[in-house]
Amino acid sequence: MAGNVDLTQFLRRCRDRIDPESLGLPARGAYRRVPGLRREEVAQLAGVSTDYYTRLEQGRNITPSDSVLDAIAEALRLDDAERTHLHDLVKARPGRRARRATPAVQRARPGLLRFLESFTDHAAFILGRRGDILATNHLCRVLIADFDAMPYRERNLTRWIVLAPEARALYADWERIAAEMTAILRLDAGRHPDDARTAELVGELTMKSEHFRRWWDDHRVLTRTHGQKRFHHPLVGELTIDYQALTPPGEDDQTLFLYMPADDRTSQEAWRLLADWNTYAPDHPQPADDALSPSDDRSSL
């Protein structure tokens, strides 16, 4: 039975990045021909046999307990997102993965939509699986992009950030932001290994973006909670935003994002200008002639 390639590559990447000298181990010489930890060293640190760890890394048909996986996570110095990803990958191995139906199209429930529109001083949006845009408020459409005006399959934040020229112009730290979105997508793919839309998205981005291919091969994973982003906005110029990510109760696969200006004067003034422009802007500007085709189904989200 074929092993889980993602599990194998993830564990190898985690081993390779650890500096042996930080653990008091020799870093060079005949003993060590490659960087990072050797399999037997990970096994020793985790308290399992070398053969057991080797079979796990190869994706062989073994069933490690949660405590063994946690010990391996400690040995590899995994953070919370990486630890979750390890458990997801092991559960998704051939022979352990239960067949599951293709998930239904996600929708934000009506109460959340009304909640979203109640934010007049914050840009707000809801992301679903694989970074799909489920809903946005007006200020979000002015700050980032009018995703409602895009074809259904293009309403995905990861896809837009990686591929759209407008995204490269908007984000001052585009490469960091795009790499982080790739890491978030990698985490989501491990959680939903049978999701056909995720596989389709990864395939498209792999074909169209050399950056994405490199980031995807890094097997980095990331979860989002809060942070800052810097913008070069075409309407108001430079500004920095603070964001918070919240999971609505009962919606584990949906995340509500709230954007607000940072405390610095430049960002506050730019935000006021943006809010003023938003007040008088039409609610849904018409997309360019080539943005939508007559056959696009915009009601399926």
Foldseek 3Di string as FASTA:
>chain_A
DQAQPLLLLLLVLLQQVDAVVVVVDDQDDPVDPGHGDDLCQLCVQLVHHSVVSVCVSRRHPDDDDLSSLVSSCVSSVHDPLSSLLNVLSNCCIPPNDDDDDADADDADDPVVQVVQQVDLLKWKFKAFFLQATRDTYLLVCLLQNVLLQAFRLCRGPLNCLQPPPSNVQWFPPSLVVNLQSLQQNLSSCSNVVPHPSSVVVLVVCCVVGPSSVVSNSSNHHDDDAKDKTWTQRPPQGTFMWIKGWDAPPPRNRMIMMIIHTDPDPSRVVSSVVSSVCSVPDDRRDHDDPPRDDPPGDSPRD
